[in-house]
Structures are given as structure tokens and as C-alpha cells.
Amino acid sequence: MCILGEPTDMHVVLEHFGSMWARISCAGIYVHTAFCEGREEMNSIRRMHTLMDPILKWIANWETKAAHGGKKAIVNLGGIRGGHAWRASRTPEKTDLFLDVRVPPTIPMNEARREIQQLFLDLEKQHPDFGLEFETYVSVPGARIEESHELIRVIDANHERIMGTPPEREVVTWCSDASVLSRYGVETVNYGPSSGPRDKEGEKVKIQTLVDITKIYALTAADLCGVAS
């Protein structure tokens, strides 16, 4: 069993989303500016601009369709790359769009990939001359642990013992090492300190919070290992 001390504000995170990174690319001609007149529509950046509207519509649909635990299945436009800044006198022969698609733990990653690939296939059918390409290059599945698990029961009891009230539950859209650990049979929960919302200075942890959660970790380890109090 494993407790990951991620910054959860001392909430017990029973589930978190996974993440799939995808690339959608389109091709274009590579010619000097002086010779691109009349062929502007073959510019790969212009072609990607044409693709953005249906991609954004797919994103809006996925974020709602794949929502889980009160959280949207966020899709981030992580990057766009096209052309050569050092040679602006040439048209861009290729433009890439990079997406980070958050996937709830209730949807298998291969199913999520099929959903994204269907978007690509639809775009390819509509624009057969765009030279479209598609790949997924990161796949991190979501993770979950049953609320009835012994680890959760013991954390709950020791949290209430130290804090006076039971811990809150939360589902988060970030990923953690629970994705890997759970695949190797290590039941894992995210439960760690932080104090209040993040701001421009980042995460904050009060000393008392560190003291409190250290006590909870120690008591939980002792209970699970059968150490007499």
C-alpha cells in the first residue's frame, strides 16, 4: 500500500484523471513568399486555422461527456508549432497542434484514444488534401482506490483523531504516481498537506499542517503494520 503526499489540502483523493497527449498535424507547400500568391490556402498554418473550429467543438463535447466526480475532462491546447521564424520568407510545410486530453479513471485509455482518433478521421475525410497526421505520444491512465479499502479506513480514523473531523473526499484532474503504482498491484491514495488555494507564489504549507499530517502518517503506518500503541 502507498500514501502519496501530494498537495491535496489533507483531502483524501480516491480518484484522479489520466492524461493523453495527442498531436494533430497538417502539411502545406514550402515555397518562397514571392511564389505563394494564389496558393495561400496551401499554407499549413492557414489549414490548421481551418481545423481549429471543429477541434474546439470536439474539446467542448469531450469536457462535458467525459466529466467525472464533478470535474470537467479538461483538454489543454498545449502547443502549436509551424513554420520557421528564422526564415519567414518561406511558407510553412507543416504545422503541429499538441493536446493534453484529461481522461477520467472510468474510461479506458484505449477507448479515449479511439475518441480522439475519430476526430482526426473526420477531419481527414473533410480535408483529404491537407496531409493530416495523428499520434498519441503520452498515455497515463487515471487511478482509483475503493473507499472500503483498509488504507482509507485507517487514514480516516487517524485524521479524525488528530484533526477532530473526518477528512473530505476529492476527485482531481491532475495525475500522480498512483497511475503506475496501482498497475503493479500497489493500492495507492493521494493524501497530503497544503494550506489554501495556490497563487502566484505557488503552494503553501503551514508548519502546523506538516506536524499534523506527520502524526497521521505515523499512526497510519503503525496501525497497518500492527505496531502496538
Foldseek 3Di string as FASTA:
>chain_A
DEEAADAPQQFWEQKEWKKWKKKKKFFADKDFLVPCPPVVCRQRVVVVVVLVVLVVVLQVVQQVVQDDQPGGQHKDQPDKDWDDPVCPRIGTGMMMTMMITIHTLVDDQVRVVVSVVVSVVVVCVVCVPGRMDMDIDDTQGMAGDDCPDPLNVLLQVLLCVLVVHGHHYGYYHDHDCRSVCVVVVHHYIYGHHFDDDQDPVGTHGDPVRVVSVVSSVVSSVCVVVVNDD
